[in-house]
Amino acid sequence: MSEAGPRGWYSRGYLPHFDGGEVPQMLTFGLMDSIPAERLDTWREQLRLLPEAKAKALLQRRIERYVDRGHGEAHLKHPDIAEVVQQAILHFDGDRYRLWSWVVMPNHVHVVCTPDPGHPLPRIVHSWKSFTAHEANRLLGRTGHFWRRDFWDRFIRDQRHFGAAVSYVEWNPARCGLCERQEDWPFSSAHLRSGT
């Protein structure tokens, strides 16, 4: 966060973001090949005449449905790589942000967190993606881009929305058929909380 305070709505030229300071946010970021750029461009073109808030919500739903199908190489299906990502997310919990829920899926990650003062969301996400890309590429013996350039975020409006976001994140693996119960997926807040 700059000394002037949170930026509010802004764009880095790709997706709109909301910097609300200490406001809970739901984030999604995916692997480089999780959504073809042409598909995103098509969706944006289809939604361009809608009001901005409605278009953003519809785009987010389309993205979530698409990535949940596990497209691409899905490098996060490898337990060692998923664990690197999970540990990176957990590392600064309580120091740079408050982590409420997360899940590492085969080709994307969902997180619900509240940034702490002085730690803007883009910097937090960049830290996760930079460290994990380096480690994952090393483990896979590959080079090149690992994560998509941007991320999707949705600020949490109220307590009901907060509960829905946490539930969505934690039930994502079961909804996608990767496990039966939310706590069965090892790379998630539900699993960690269950102690299993």
N, C-alpha and C. Protein backbone atom coordinates (compact mmCIF):
# COMPACT_ATOMS: atom_id res chain seq x y z
N MET A 1 0.86 -1.17 0.00
CA MET A 1 0.00 0.00 0.00
C MET A 1 0.91 1.24 0.00
N SER A 2 0.57 2.20 -0.79
CA SER A 2 1.33 3.43 -0.79
C SER A 2 0.95 4.25 0.43
N GLU A 3 1.71 5.31 0.67
CA GLU A 3 1.41 6.17 1.81
C GLU A 3 0.07 6.86 1.62
N ALA A 4 -0.39 6.98 0.38
CA ALA A 4 -1.68 7.61 0.11
C ALA A 4 -2.84 6.70 0.47
N GLY A 5 -2.58 5.44 0.73
CA GLY A 5 -3.63 4.50 1.10
C GLY A 5 -3.98 3.57 -0.04
N PRO A 6 -5.00 2.75 0.16
CA PRO A 6 -5.39 1.79 -0.86
C PRO A 6 -5.79 2.48 -2.16
N ARG A 7 -5.55 1.81 -3.28
CA ARG A 7 -5.80 2.39 -4.60
C ARG A 7 -7.24 2.27 -5.07
N GLY A 8 -8.03 1.41 -4.48
CA GLY A 8 -9.38 1.17 -5.00
C GLY A 8 -9.30 0.34 -6.27
N TRP A 9 -10.22 0.58 -7.21
CA TRP A 9 -10.20 -0.16 -8.47
C TRP A 9 -9.08 0.33 -9.36
N TYR A 10 -8.37 -0.59 -10.00
CA TYR A 10 -7.31 -0.24 -10.94
C TYR A 10 -7.09 -1.41 -11.88
N SER A 11 -6.34 -1.19 -12.93
CA SER A 11 -6.02 -2.25 -13.88
C SER A 11 -4.55 -2.16 -14.23
N ARG A 12 -3.94 -3.32 -14.42
CA ARG A 12 -2.57 -3.37 -14.90
C ARG A 12 -2.56 -3.65 -16.39
N GLY A 13 -3.70 -3.41 -17.05
CA GLY A 13 -3.81 -3.64 -18.48
C GLY A 13 -4.39 -4.99 -18.84
N TYR A 14 -4.65 -5.83 -17.87
CA TYR A 14 -5.17 -7.16 -18.14
C TYR A 14 -6.55 -7.31 -17.49
N LEU A 15 -6.55 -7.44 -16.19
CA LEU A 15 -7.79 -7.64 -15.45
C LEU A 15 -7.97 -6.50 -14.45
N PRO A 16 -9.21 -6.13 -14.16
CA PRO A 16 -9.41 -5.12 -13.11
C PRO A 16 -9.13 -5.73 -11.74
N HIS A 17 -8.58 -4.93 -10.83
CA HIS A 17 -8.28 -5.36 -9.46
C HIS A 17 -8.84 -4.35 -8.49
N PHE A 18 -9.01 -4.80 -7.25
CA PHE A 18 -9.49 -3.90 -6.21
C PHE A 18 -8.51 -3.93 -5.05
N ASP A 19 -7.88 -2.78 -4.77
CA ASP A 19 -6.99 -2.64 -3.62
C ASP A 19 -7.76 -1.88 -2.56
N GLY A 20 -8.30 -2.62 -1.61
CA GLY A 20 -9.11 -1.99 -0.56
C GLY A 20 -8.40 -1.98 0.77
N GLY A 21 -7.09 -2.24 0.77
CA GLY A 21 -6.37 -2.28 2.03
C GLY A 21 -6.73 -3.54 2.79
N GLU A 22 -7.14 -3.38 4.03
CA GLU A 22 -7.44 -4.52 4.89
C GLU A 22 -8.87 -5.04 4.65
N VAL A 23 -9.13 -5.46 3.44
CA VAL A 23 -10.42 -6.01 3.05
C VAL A 23 -10.19 -7.46 2.63
N PRO A 24 -10.97 -8.41 3.15
CA PRO A 24 -10.80 -9.79 2.70
C PRO A 24 -10.99 -9.90 1.19
N GLN A 25 -10.16 -10.71 0.57
CA GLN A 25 -10.20 -10.91 -0.88
C GLN A 25 -10.18 -12.39 -1.20
N MET A 26 -10.90 -12.78 -2.25
CA MET A 26 -10.79 -14.12 -2.80
C MET A 26 -9.97 -14.02 -4.07
N LEU A 27 -8.92 -14.80 -4.16
CA LEU A 27 -7.99 -14.75 -5.28
C LEU A 27 -7.97 -16.07 -6.02
N THR A 28 -7.75 -16.01 -7.30
CA THR A 28 -7.51 -17.20 -8.11
C THR A 28 -6.33 -16.89 -9.01
N PHE A 29 -5.36 -17.77 -9.03
CA PHE A 29 -4.29 -17.65 -10.01
C PHE A 29 -3.98 -19.03 -10.55
N GLY A 30 -3.66 -19.07 -11.85
CA GLY A 30 -3.53 -20.35 -12.53
C GLY A 30 -2.23 -20.51 -13.26
N LEU A 31 -1.97 -21.75 -13.64
CA LEU A 31 -0.79 -22.06 -14.42
C LEU A 31 -0.88 -21.43 -15.81
N MET A 32 0.26 -21.25 -16.41
CA MET A 32 0.35 -20.56 -17.70
C MET A 32 -0.60 -21.15 -18.75
N ASP A 33 -0.75 -22.46 -18.75
CA ASP A 33 -1.56 -23.09 -19.78
C ASP A 33 -2.96 -23.49 -19.30
N SER A 34 -3.41 -22.94 -18.17
CA SER A 34 -4.71 -23.33 -17.63
C SER A 34 -5.89 -22.75 -18.41
N ILE A 35 -5.71 -21.60 -19.06
CA ILE A 35 -6.74 -20.99 -19.91
C ILE A 35 -6.06 -20.39 -21.13
N PRO A 36 -6.42 -20.83 -22.32
CA PRO A 36 -5.84 -20.21 -23.52
C PRO A 36 -6.21 -18.73 -23.61
N ALA A 37 -5.26 -17.91 -24.00
CA ALA A 37 -5.48 -16.46 -24.10
C ALA A 37 -6.64 -16.15 -25.06
N GLU A 38 -6.77 -16.94 -26.14
CA GLU A 38 -7.84 -16.69 -27.11
C GLU A 38 -9.21 -16.86 -26.47
N ARG A 39 -9.32 -17.82 -25.55
CA ARG A 39 -10.61 -18.05 -24.89
C ARG A 39 -10.97 -16.85 -24.01
N LEU A 40 -9.98 -16.33 -23.26
CA LEU A 40 -10.22 -15.14 -22.43
C LEU A 40 -10.64 -13.95 -23.30
N ASP A 41 -9.93 -13.77 -24.43
CA ASP A 41 -10.27 -12.67 -25.34
C ASP A 41 -11.70 -12.81 -25.86
N THR A 42 -12.10 -14.03 -26.21
CA THR A 42 -13.46 -14.28 -26.70
C THR A 42 -14.48 -13.93 -25.63
N TRP A 43 -14.24 -14.39 -24.40
CA TRP A 43 -15.17 -14.10 -23.31
C TRP A 43 -15.28 -12.60 -23.06
N ARG A 44 -14.14 -11.91 -23.06
CA ARG A 44 -14.16 -10.46 -22.84
C ARG A 44 -14.98 -9.75 -23.93
N GLU A 45 -14.79 -10.20 -25.17
CA GLU A 45 -15.53 -9.61 -26.28
C GLU A 45 -17.02 -9.86 -26.11
N GLN A 46 -17.39 -11.07 -25.70
CA GLN A 46 -18.81 -11.41 -25.50
C GLN A 46 -19.44 -10.57 -24.39
N LEU A 47 -18.66 -10.20 -23.39
CA LEU A 47 -19.19 -9.50 -22.22
C LEU A 47 -18.99 -7.98 -22.26
N ARG A 48 -18.36 -7.46 -23.27
CA ARG A 48 -17.93 -6.06 -23.28
C ARG A 48 -19.06 -5.04 -23.18
N LEU A 49 -20.27 -5.38 -23.60
CA LEU A 49 -21.37 -4.43 -23.57
C LEU A 49 -22.12 -4.42 -22.24
N LEU A 50 -21.79 -5.35 -21.36
CA LEU A 50 -22.44 -5.41 -20.04
C LEU A 50 -21.83 -4.38 -19.11
N PRO A 51 -22.55 -3.98 -18.07
CA PRO A 51 -21.94 -3.11 -17.06
C PRO A 51 -20.69 -3.80 -16.48
N GLU A 52 -19.70 -3.00 -16.13
CA GLU A 52 -18.40 -3.54 -15.73
C GLU A 52 -18.49 -4.56 -14.59
N ALA A 53 -19.26 -4.28 -13.56
CA ALA A 53 -19.35 -5.20 -12.42
C ALA A 53 -19.97 -6.53 -12.84
N LYS A 54 -21.01 -6.48 -13.66
CA LYS A 54 -21.66 -7.71 -14.11
C LYS A 54 -20.72 -8.50 -15.03
N ALA A 55 -20.04 -7.80 -15.92
CA ALA A 55 -19.09 -8.46 -16.83
C ALA A 55 -17.97 -9.14 -16.04
N LYS A 56 -17.47 -8.46 -15.02
CA LYS A 56 -16.39 -9.04 -14.21
C LYS A 56 -16.88 -10.29 -13.49
N ALA A 57 -18.07 -10.24 -12.93
CA ALA A 57 -18.62 -11.41 -12.21
C ALA A 57 -18.83 -12.58 -13.16
N LEU A 58 -19.38 -12.32 -14.34
CA LEU A 58 -19.59 -13.40 -15.31
C LEU A 58 -18.28 -13.97 -15.82
N LEU A 59 -17.30 -13.11 -16.07
CA LEU A 59 -15.99 -13.58 -16.50
C LEU A 59 -15.37 -14.46 -15.43
N GLN A 60 -15.46 -14.04 -14.18
CA GLN A 60 -14.90 -14.83 -13.07
C GLN A 60 -15.55 -16.22 -13.02
N ARG A 61 -16.88 -16.28 -13.18
CA ARG A 61 -17.56 -17.59 -13.15
C ARG A 61 -17.11 -18.48 -14.30
N ARG A 62 -16.98 -17.89 -15.48
CA ARG A 62 -16.52 -18.69 -16.63
C ARG A 62 -15.11 -19.21 -16.40
N ILE A 63 -14.26 -18.37 -15.87
CA ILE A 63 -12.88 -18.77 -15.58
C ILE A 63 -12.86 -19.91 -14.57
N GLU A 64 -13.62 -19.76 -13.50
CA GLU A 64 -13.63 -20.79 -12.46
C GLU A 64 -14.13 -22.12 -13.00
N ARG A 65 -15.20 -22.10 -13.80
CA ARG A 65 -15.72 -23.35 -14.39
C ARG A 65 -14.68 -23.98 -15.31
N TYR A 66 -14.01 -23.15 -16.09
CA TYR A 66 -13.03 -23.66 -17.05
C TYR A 66 -11.82 -24.27 -16.35
N VAL A 67 -11.23 -23.55 -15.40
CA VAL A 67 -10.03 -24.08 -14.75
C VAL A 67 -10.34 -25.30 -13.90
N ASP A 68 -11.56 -25.39 -13.38
CA ASP A 68 -11.93 -26.55 -12.59
C ASP A 68 -11.92 -27.85 -13.40
N ARG A 69 -11.93 -27.74 -14.71
CA ARG A 69 -11.87 -28.94 -15.55
C ARG A 69 -10.44 -29.48 -15.67
N GLY A 70 -9.46 -28.73 -15.13
CA GLY A 70 -8.08 -29.22 -15.08
C GLY A 70 -7.34 -29.19 -16.40
N HIS A 71 -7.62 -28.21 -17.26
CA HIS A 71 -6.94 -28.11 -18.55
C HIS A 71 -5.44 -27.83 -18.38
N GLY A 72 -4.68 -28.14 -19.41
CA GLY A 72 -3.25 -27.89 -19.41
C GLY A 72 -2.47 -29.04 -18.80
N GLU A 73 -1.19 -28.80 -18.58
CA GLU A 73 -0.33 -29.85 -18.03
C GLU A 73 -0.60 -30.13 -16.56
N ALA A 74 -1.25 -29.21 -15.88
CA ALA A 74 -1.65 -29.40 -14.48
C ALA A 74 -0.47 -29.84 -13.60
N HIS A 75 0.60 -29.06 -13.63
CA HIS A 75 1.80 -29.38 -12.84
C HIS A 75 1.53 -29.47 -11.34
N LEU A 76 0.48 -28.82 -10.87
CA LEU A 76 0.20 -28.83 -9.43
C LEU A 76 -0.40 -30.16 -8.98
N LYS A 77 -0.62 -31.09 -9.90
CA LYS A 77 -1.08 -32.43 -9.52
C LYS A 77 0.05 -33.23 -8.88
N HIS A 78 1.28 -32.78 -9.07
CA HIS A 78 2.44 -33.43 -8.45
C HIS A 78 2.49 -33.00 -6.99
N PRO A 79 2.40 -33.94 -6.05
CA PRO A 79 2.35 -33.58 -4.63
C PRO A 79 3.51 -32.70 -4.16
N ASP A 80 4.72 -32.94 -4.67
CA ASP A 80 5.85 -32.12 -4.22
C ASP A 80 5.70 -30.66 -4.65
N ILE A 81 5.15 -30.44 -5.82
CA ILE A 81 4.96 -29.07 -6.30
C ILE A 81 3.78 -28.42 -5.58
N ALA A 82 2.70 -29.16 -5.39
CA ALA A 82 1.55 -28.63 -4.64
C ALA A 82 1.97 -28.25 -3.23
N GLU A 83 2.83 -29.04 -2.62
CA GLU A 83 3.30 -28.74 -1.26
C GLU A 83 4.15 -27.47 -1.23
N VAL A 84 4.97 -27.25 -2.24
CA VAL A 84 5.76 -26.01 -2.33
C VAL A 84 4.82 -24.81 -2.36
N VAL A 85 3.77 -24.90 -3.17
CA VAL A 85 2.82 -23.79 -3.29
C VAL A 85 2.09 -23.58 -1.96
N GLN A 86 1.62 -24.67 -1.36
CA GLN A 86 0.92 -24.55 -0.08
C GLN A 86 1.81 -23.92 0.99
N GLN A 87 3.04 -24.35 1.09
CA GLN A 87 3.95 -23.80 2.10
C GLN A 87 4.26 -22.32 1.85
N ALA A 88 4.34 -21.93 0.57
CA ALA A 88 4.57 -20.52 0.25
C ALA A 88 3.38 -19.66 0.72
N ILE A 89 2.18 -20.17 0.52
CA ILE A 89 0.98 -19.44 0.95
C ILE A 89 0.93 -19.33 2.48
N LEU A 90 1.30 -20.39 3.15
CA LEU A 90 1.28 -20.40 4.62
C LEU A 90 2.39 -19.55 5.24
N HIS A 91 3.49 -19.36 4.52
CA HIS A 91 4.70 -18.78 5.09
C HIS A 91 4.51 -17.43 5.78
N PHE A 92 3.81 -16.50 5.14
CA PHE A 92 3.67 -15.15 5.71
C PHE A 92 2.30 -14.90 6.33
N ASP A 93 1.55 -15.98 6.60
CA ASP A 93 0.27 -15.83 7.27
C ASP A 93 0.52 -15.25 8.67
N GLY A 94 -0.18 -14.17 8.98
CA GLY A 94 -0.01 -13.51 10.27
C GLY A 94 1.07 -12.45 10.26
N ASP A 95 1.83 -12.36 9.16
CA ASP A 95 2.89 -11.36 9.05
C ASP A 95 2.57 -10.33 7.96
N ARG A 96 2.14 -10.81 6.79
CA ARG A 96 1.80 -9.92 5.68
C ARG A 96 0.31 -9.95 5.34
N TYR A 97 -0.37 -10.98 5.79
CA TYR A 97 -1.79 -11.17 5.52
C TYR A 97 -2.35 -12.16 6.52
N ARG A 98 -3.68 -12.17 6.60
CA ARG A 98 -4.39 -13.18 7.40
C ARG A 98 -5.06 -14.13 6.42
N LEU A 99 -4.69 -15.37 6.52
CA LEU A 99 -5.16 -16.40 5.61
C LEU A 99 -6.40 -17.05 6.19
N TRP A 100 -7.49 -17.09 5.39
CA TRP A 100 -8.75 -17.67 5.86
C TRP A 100 -9.00 -19.04 5.24
N SER A 101 -8.70 -19.20 3.98
CA SER A 101 -8.83 -20.50 3.32
C SER A 101 -7.99 -20.51 2.06
N TRP A 102 -7.63 -21.72 1.61
CA TRP A 102 -6.86 -21.88 0.38
C TRP A 102 -7.06 -23.31 -0.12
N VAL A 103 -6.78 -23.49 -1.39
CA VAL A 103 -6.73 -24.83 -1.98
C VAL A 103 -5.79 -24.76 -3.18
N VAL A 104 -4.93 -25.76 -3.29
CA VAL A 104 -4.04 -25.90 -4.44
C VAL A 104 -4.65 -27.00 -5.30
N MET A 105 -5.21 -26.62 -6.43
CA MET A 105 -5.83 -27.54 -7.37
C MET A 105 -4.79 -27.96 -8.42
N PRO A 106 -5.08 -28.91 -9.31
CA PRO A 106 -4.08 -29.36 -10.28
C PRO A 106 -3.54 -28.28 -11.22
N ASN A 107 -4.37 -27.26 -11.56
CA ASN A 107 -3.86 -26.23 -12.48
C ASN A 107 -4.11 -24.80 -12.01
N HIS A 108 -4.59 -24.63 -10.77
CA HIS A 108 -4.84 -23.28 -10.25
C HIS A 108 -4.90 -23.31 -8.73
N VAL A 109 -4.94 -22.11 -8.15
CA VAL A 109 -4.96 -21.94 -6.70
C VAL A 109 -6.04 -20.93 -6.34
N HIS A 110 -6.79 -21.22 -5.27
CA HIS A 110 -7.74 -20.26 -4.70
C HIS A 110 -7.27 -19.91 -3.30
N VAL A 111 -7.38 -18.64 -2.94
CA VAL A 111 -7.01 -18.17 -1.61
C VAL A 111 -8.02 -17.12 -1.16
N VAL A 112 -8.40 -17.18 0.12
CA VAL A 112 -9.14 -16.08 0.74
C VAL A 112 -8.25 -15.54 1.84
N CYS A 113 -7.90 -14.27 1.73
CA CYS A 113 -7.01 -13.66 2.73
C CYS A 113 -7.33 -12.18 2.87
N THR A 114 -6.81 -11.60 3.95
CA THR A 114 -6.91 -10.17 4.19
C THR A 114 -5.50 -9.61 4.26
N PRO A 115 -5.12 -8.72 3.35
CA PRO A 115 -3.78 -8.12 3.40
C PRO A 115 -3.60 -7.28 4.67
N ASP A 116 -2.41 -7.33 5.23
CA ASP A 116 -2.07 -6.48 6.36
C ASP A 116 -1.62 -5.11 5.85
N PRO A 117 -1.66 -4.07 6.69
CA PRO A 117 -1.21 -2.75 6.26
C PRO A 117 0.21 -2.80 5.71
N GLY A 118 0.41 -2.09 4.60
CA GLY A 118 1.73 -2.03 4.00
C GLY A 118 2.06 -3.20 3.10
N HIS A 119 1.10 -4.10 2.91
CA HIS A 119 1.33 -5.27 2.06
C HIS A 119 0.21 -5.40 1.03
N PRO A 120 0.34 -4.67 -0.09
CA PRO A 120 -0.72 -4.71 -1.10
C PRO A 120 -0.83 -6.10 -1.74
N LEU A 121 -2.02 -6.42 -2.12
CA LEU A 121 -2.32 -7.72 -2.71
C LEU A 121 -1.41 -8.09 -3.88
N PRO A 122 -1.18 -7.21 -4.84
CA PRO A 122 -0.31 -7.60 -5.96
C PRO A 122 1.09 -8.03 -5.50
N ARG A 123 1.61 -7.38 -4.48
CA ARG A 123 2.94 -7.76 -3.98
C ARG A 123 2.91 -9.13 -3.30
N ILE A 124 1.83 -9.41 -2.59
CA ILE A 124 1.67 -10.71 -1.93
C ILE A 124 1.62 -11.82 -2.99
N VAL A 125 0.76 -11.64 -3.99
CA VAL A 125 0.61 -12.66 -5.04
C VAL A 125 1.91 -12.81 -5.82
N HIS A 126 2.57 -11.71 -6.13
CA HIS A 126 3.84 -11.78 -6.84
C HIS A 126 4.86 -12.60 -6.05
N SER A 127 4.91 -12.40 -4.75
CA SER A 127 5.83 -13.16 -3.90
C SER A 127 5.55 -14.66 -3.99
N TRP A 128 4.27 -15.04 -3.86
CA TRP A 128 3.91 -16.47 -3.98
C TRP A 128 4.32 -17.02 -5.33
N LYS A 129 3.94 -16.31 -6.39
CA LYS A 129 4.16 -16.82 -7.74
C LYS A 129 5.64 -16.87 -8.11
N SER A 130 6.38 -15.86 -7.72
CA SER A 130 7.80 -15.81 -8.05
C SER A 130 8.57 -16.97 -7.40
N PHE A 131 8.39 -17.12 -6.09
CA PHE A 131 9.09 -18.19 -5.38
C PHE A 131 8.68 -19.56 -5.89
N THR A 132 7.38 -19.80 -6.01
CA THR A 132 6.91 -21.13 -6.40
C THR A 132 7.24 -21.47 -7.85
N ALA A 133 7.25 -20.48 -8.74
CA ALA A 133 7.62 -20.74 -10.13
C ALA A 133 9.06 -21.23 -10.21
N HIS A 134 9.94 -20.57 -9.48
CA HIS A 134 11.34 -20.97 -9.47
C HIS A 134 11.50 -22.40 -8.93
N GLU A 135 10.86 -22.68 -7.82
CA GLU A 135 10.97 -24.01 -7.21
C GLU A 135 10.32 -25.09 -8.07
N ALA A 136 9.15 -24.81 -8.62
CA ALA A 136 8.45 -25.80 -9.47
C ALA A 136 9.25 -26.09 -10.73
N ASN A 137 9.76 -25.06 -11.38
CA ASN A 137 10.57 -25.28 -12.57
C ASN A 137 11.81 -26.11 -12.25
N ARG A 138 12.41 -25.85 -11.10
CA ARG A 138 13.58 -26.65 -10.69
C ARG A 138 13.18 -28.11 -10.50
N LEU A 139 12.08 -28.35 -9.80
CA LEU A 139 11.63 -29.73 -9.55
C LEU A 139 11.22 -30.44 -10.84
N LEU A 140 10.66 -29.71 -11.77
CA LEU A 140 10.22 -30.30 -13.04
C LEU A 140 11.33 -30.37 -14.08
N GLY A 141 12.46 -29.73 -13.79
CA GLY A 141 13.55 -29.70 -14.76
C GLY A 141 13.17 -28.93 -16.01
N ARG A 142 12.45 -27.85 -15.83
CA ARG A 142 12.00 -27.04 -16.97
C ARG A 142 12.35 -25.59 -16.74
N THR A 143 12.17 -24.77 -17.77
CA THR A 143 12.34 -23.32 -17.67
C THR A 143 11.11 -22.67 -18.29
N GLY A 144 11.02 -21.39 -18.15
CA GLY A 144 9.92 -20.65 -18.78
C GLY A 144 8.85 -20.25 -17.78
N HIS A 145 7.83 -19.63 -18.32
CA HIS A 145 6.73 -19.15 -17.49
C HIS A 145 5.99 -20.32 -16.86
N PHE A 146 5.69 -20.19 -15.59
CA PHE A 146 4.96 -21.23 -14.87
C PHE A 146 3.51 -20.78 -14.63
N TRP A 147 3.34 -19.57 -14.11
CA TRP A 147 2.02 -19.03 -13.79
C TRP A 147 1.55 -18.09 -14.88
N ARG A 148 0.23 -17.95 -15.01
CA ARG A 148 -0.34 -16.91 -15.86
C ARG A 148 0.14 -15.56 -15.32
N ARG A 149 0.20 -14.59 -16.17
CA ARG A 149 0.76 -13.29 -15.81
C ARG A 149 -0.04 -12.58 -14.72
N ASP A 150 -1.34 -12.70 -14.74
CA ASP A 150 -2.18 -11.94 -13.83
C ASP A 150 -2.89 -12.88 -12.85
N PHE A 151 -3.76 -12.33 -12.05
CA PHE A 151 -4.58 -13.11 -11.13
C PHE A 151 -5.96 -12.47 -11.08
N TRP A 152 -6.94 -13.23 -10.59
CA TRP A 152 -8.29 -12.73 -10.45
C TRP A 152 -8.57 -12.52 -8.98
N ASP A 153 -9.19 -11.41 -8.66
CA ASP A 153 -9.51 -11.15 -7.26
C ASP A 153 -10.93 -10.64 -7.15
N ARG A 154 -11.52 -10.92 -6.00
CA ARG A 154 -12.87 -10.45 -5.71
C ARG A 154 -12.88 -10.03 -4.25
N PHE A 155 -13.19 -8.76 -3.98
CA PHE A 155 -13.21 -8.33 -2.58
C PHE A 155 -14.48 -8.87 -1.93
N ILE A 156 -14.38 -9.19 -0.65
CA ILE A 156 -15.48 -9.78 0.11
C ILE A 156 -16.35 -8.65 0.64
N ARG A 157 -17.63 -8.67 0.30
CA ARG A 157 -18.54 -7.57 0.62
C ARG A 157 -19.07 -7.59 2.05
N ASP A 158 -19.37 -8.80 2.56
CA ASP A 158 -19.97 -8.90 3.88
C ASP A 158 -19.73 -10.30 4.44
N GLN A 159 -20.27 -10.57 5.63
CA GLN A 159 -20.04 -11.86 6.29
C GLN A 159 -20.61 -13.03 5.49
N ARG A 160 -21.76 -12.82 4.89
CA ARG A 160 -22.37 -13.89 4.07
C ARG A 160 -21.48 -14.22 2.87
N HIS A 161 -20.98 -13.20 2.21
CA HIS A 161 -20.08 -13.39 1.07
C HIS A 161 -18.79 -14.07 1.53
N PHE A 162 -18.29 -13.69 2.69
CA PHE A 162 -17.08 -14.30 3.26
C PHE A 162 -17.29 -15.81 3.44
N GLY A 163 -18.40 -16.19 4.06
CA GLY A 163 -18.70 -17.61 4.27
C GLY A 163 -18.81 -18.37 2.97
N ALA A 164 -19.46 -17.75 1.97
CA ALA A 164 -19.60 -18.39 0.66
C ALA A 164 -18.25 -18.57 -0.02
N ALA A 165 -17.37 -17.57 0.10
CA ALA A 165 -16.04 -17.66 -0.52
C ALA A 165 -15.21 -18.76 0.12
N VAL A 166 -15.19 -18.81 1.45
CA VAL A 166 -14.43 -19.84 2.15
C VAL A 166 -14.98 -21.22 1.78
N SER A 167 -16.28 -21.37 1.75
CA SER A 167 -16.90 -22.64 1.39
C SER A 167 -16.55 -23.03 -0.05
N TYR A 168 -16.65 -22.07 -0.97
CA TYR A 168 -16.31 -22.35 -2.37
C TYR A 168 -14.88 -22.89 -2.48
N VAL A 169 -13.96 -22.20 -1.84
CA VAL A 169 -12.55 -22.59 -1.90
C VAL A 169 -12.36 -23.99 -1.34
N GLU A 170 -12.90 -24.25 -0.15
CA GLU A 170 -12.63 -25.52 0.50
C GLU A 170 -13.36 -26.70 -0.14
N TRP A 171 -14.51 -26.47 -0.77
CA TRP A 171 -15.23 -27.55 -1.42
C TRP A 171 -14.81 -27.76 -2.87
N ASN A 172 -13.95 -26.92 -3.41
CA ASN A 172 -13.56 -26.99 -4.82
C ASN A 172 -13.06 -28.38 -5.24
N PRO A 173 -12.16 -29.03 -4.50
CA PRO A 173 -11.69 -30.35 -4.94
C PRO A 173 -12.80 -31.40 -4.97
N ALA A 174 -13.70 -31.39 -4.00
CA ALA A 174 -14.80 -32.36 -3.98
C ALA A 174 -15.77 -32.09 -5.13
N ARG A 175 -16.08 -30.82 -5.38
CA ARG A 175 -16.97 -30.46 -6.49
C ARG A 175 -16.40 -30.91 -7.83
N CYS A 176 -15.08 -30.92 -7.94
CA CYS A 176 -14.42 -31.30 -9.20
C CYS A 176 -14.16 -32.80 -9.28
N GLY A 177 -14.57 -33.55 -8.26
CA GLY A 177 -14.41 -34.99 -8.28
C GLY A 177 -13.02 -35.49 -7.90
N LEU A 178 -12.22 -34.64 -7.26
CA LEU A 178 -10.88 -35.04 -6.87
C LEU A 178 -10.85 -35.77 -5.53
N CYS A 179 -11.91 -35.61 -4.73
CA CYS A 179 -12.02 -36.28 -3.44
C CYS A 179 -13.49 -36.28 -3.04
N GLU A 180 -13.81 -37.03 -1.99
CA GLU A 180 -15.21 -37.08 -1.55
C GLU A 180 -15.57 -35.95 -0.60
N ARG A 181 -14.71 -35.73 0.39
CA ARG A 181 -14.98 -34.71 1.40
C ARG A 181 -13.93 -33.61 1.27
N GLN A 182 -14.30 -32.40 1.65
CA GLN A 182 -13.38 -31.28 1.51
C GLN A 182 -12.08 -31.50 2.27
N GLU A 183 -12.14 -32.12 3.43
CA GLU A 183 -10.94 -32.32 4.24
C GLU A 183 -10.03 -33.42 3.70
N ASP A 184 -10.48 -34.16 2.67
CA ASP A 184 -9.65 -35.22 2.09
C ASP A 184 -8.57 -34.67 1.15
N TRP A 185 -8.74 -33.46 0.66
CA TRP A 185 -7.76 -32.90 -0.28
C TRP A 185 -6.58 -32.36 0.52
N PRO A 186 -5.37 -32.95 0.35
CA PRO A 186 -4.25 -32.63 1.24
C PRO A 186 -3.70 -31.20 1.13
N PHE A 187 -3.97 -30.51 0.05
CA PHE A 187 -3.38 -29.19 -0.16
C PHE A 187 -4.45 -28.12 0.00
N SER A 188 -4.99 -28.05 1.23
CA SER A 188 -6.10 -27.14 1.48
C SER A 188 -6.20 -26.78 2.95
N SER A 189 -6.87 -25.67 3.20
CA SER A 189 -7.13 -25.24 4.57
C SER A 189 -8.05 -26.22 5.28
N ALA A 190 -9.00 -26.81 4.55
CA ALA A 190 -9.93 -27.77 5.17
C ALA A 190 -9.16 -28.98 5.70
N HIS A 191 -8.20 -29.45 4.94
CA HIS A 191 -7.40 -30.61 5.37
C HIS A 191 -6.55 -30.25 6.59
N LEU A 192 -5.89 -29.10 6.54
CA LEU A 192 -5.03 -28.69 7.65
C LEU A 192 -5.85 -28.52 8.92
N ARG A 193 -7.01 -27.89 8.79
CA ARG A 193 -7.87 -27.67 9.95
C ARG A 193 -8.39 -28.98 10.55
N SER A 194 -8.62 -29.99 9.68
CA SER A 194 -9.18 -31.27 10.15
C SER A 194 -8.15 -32.07 10.95
N GLY A 195 -6.86 -31.79 10.74
CA GLY A 195 -5.81 -32.51 11.46
C GLY A 195 -5.59 -33.91 10.94
N THR A 196 -6.15 -34.27 9.79
CA THR A 196 -5.96 -35.62 9.26
C THR A 196 -4.74 -35.73 8.37
